[in-house]
Amino acid sequence: MLADLSASELDDWYKFMRHEPIGPERTDYGFALLASILANVNRDPKRRKPFSLDDFLLFEPRVPADPVDLSEQLKTAFAKPE
């Protein structure tokens, strides 16, 4: 349960998810990879440069957040009230 996570644990999960997407984003990468392979196998190399994974992604690739700012935001958000 989310309430049982400390700020440090939540920060660790967030960092993990930045490198290993979970849920719809992970599925999107898998299908984009398959689509790029099929497109590259069937393209005419003389007329078209190779397709990239980004050509088939439905979700925008994530821009990495500054880990220091994120850590501070999480600590503030989940700090125990005094």
Protein backbone atom coordinates (compact mmCIF):
# COMPACT_ATOMS: atom_id res chain seq x y z
CA MET A 1 0.00 0.00 0.00
CA LEU A 2 1.24 3.48 -0.85
CA ALA A 3 0.78 4.76 2.70
CA ASP A 4 3.20 2.10 3.97
CA LEU A 5 6.09 3.39 1.82
CA SER A 6 8.64 5.79 3.22
CA ALA A 7 9.72 8.79 1.14
CA SER A 8 13.02 7.03 0.48
CA GLU A 9 11.28 3.86 -0.77
CA LEU A 10 8.93 5.87 -2.96
CA ASP A 11 11.91 7.72 -4.39
CA ASP A 12 13.62 4.39 -5.15
CA TRP A 13 10.51 3.08 -6.95
CA TYR A 14 10.26 6.31 -8.95
CA LYS A 15 13.91 6.00 -10.05
CA PHE A 16 13.34 2.36 -10.99
CA MET A 17 10.28 3.24 -13.06
CA ARG A 18 12.26 5.90 -14.95
CA HIS A 19 14.54 3.14 -16.26
CA GLU A 20 12.06 0.24 -16.38
CA PRO A 21 8.58 1.60 -17.22
CA ILE A 22 5.63 -0.17 -15.61
CA GLY A 23 2.13 -0.39 -17.09
CA PRO A 24 0.93 1.16 -20.36
CA GLU A 25 4.28 2.81 -21.10
CA ARG A 26 6.07 -0.54 -20.96
CA THR A 27 3.48 -2.06 -23.30
CA ASP A 28 3.89 0.91 -25.63
CA TYR A 29 7.66 0.31 -25.86
CA GLY A 30 7.12 -3.38 -26.62
CA PHE A 31 4.65 -2.76 -29.42
CA ALA A 32 6.75 0.11 -30.80
CA LEU A 33 9.74 -2.25 -30.96
CA LEU A 34 7.73 -4.86 -32.88
CA ALA A 35 6.32 -2.24 -35.25
CA SER A 36 9.79 -0.79 -35.95
CA ILE A 37 11.19 -4.27 -36.67
CA LEU A 38 8.35 -5.04 -39.11
CA ALA A 39 8.67 -1.66 -40.79
CA ASN A 40 12.46 -1.98 -41.16
CA VAL A 41 12.28 -5.52 -42.54
CA ASN A 42 9.80 -4.40 -45.19
CA ARG A 43 11.29 -1.02 -46.13
CA ASP A 44 13.28 -0.32 -49.26
CA PRO A 45 16.76 0.59 -47.96
CA LYS A 46 17.45 2.64 -51.09
CA ARG A 47 14.40 4.86 -50.57
CA ARG A 48 13.98 5.12 -46.80
CA LYS A 49 16.25 5.47 -43.81
CA PRO A 50 15.63 2.96 -40.98
CA PHE A 51 12.68 3.60 -38.68
CA SER A 52 13.43 4.27 -35.04
CA LEU A 53 11.55 3.18 -31.96
CA ASP A 54 10.41 6.78 -31.44
CA ASP A 55 8.55 6.67 -34.77
CA PHE A 56 6.06 4.22 -33.25
CA LEU A 57 5.69 5.34 -29.62
CA LEU A 58 2.19 6.47 -28.62
CA PHE A 59 3.39 8.09 -25.39
CA GLU A 60 5.98 10.86 -25.42
CA PRO A 61 9.35 9.64 -24.11
CA ARG A 62 9.92 10.85 -20.57
CA VAL A 63 12.31 13.65 -19.83
CA PRO A 64 14.40 12.63 -16.83
CA ALA A 65 13.67 14.72 -13.76
CA ASP A 66 16.40 16.16 -11.61
CA PRO A 67 16.79 13.51 -8.86
CA VAL A 68 17.73 16.10 -6.22
CA ASP A 69 14.60 18.19 -6.85
CA LEU A 70 12.40 15.10 -6.95
CA SER A 71 13.84 13.77 -3.71
CA GLU A 72 13.17 17.08 -1.96
CA GLN A 73 9.63 17.25 -3.33
CA LEU A 74 8.88 13.72 -2.15
CA LYS A 75 10.33 14.34 1.30
CA THR A 76 8.22 17.49 1.64
CA ALA A 77 5.07 15.80 0.37
CA PHE A 78 5.39 12.78 2.66
CA ALA A 79 6.82 14.45 5.74
CA LYS A 80 4.97 13.70 8.96
CA PRO A 81 3.03 16.70 10.22
CA GLU A 82 4.36 18.12 13.46
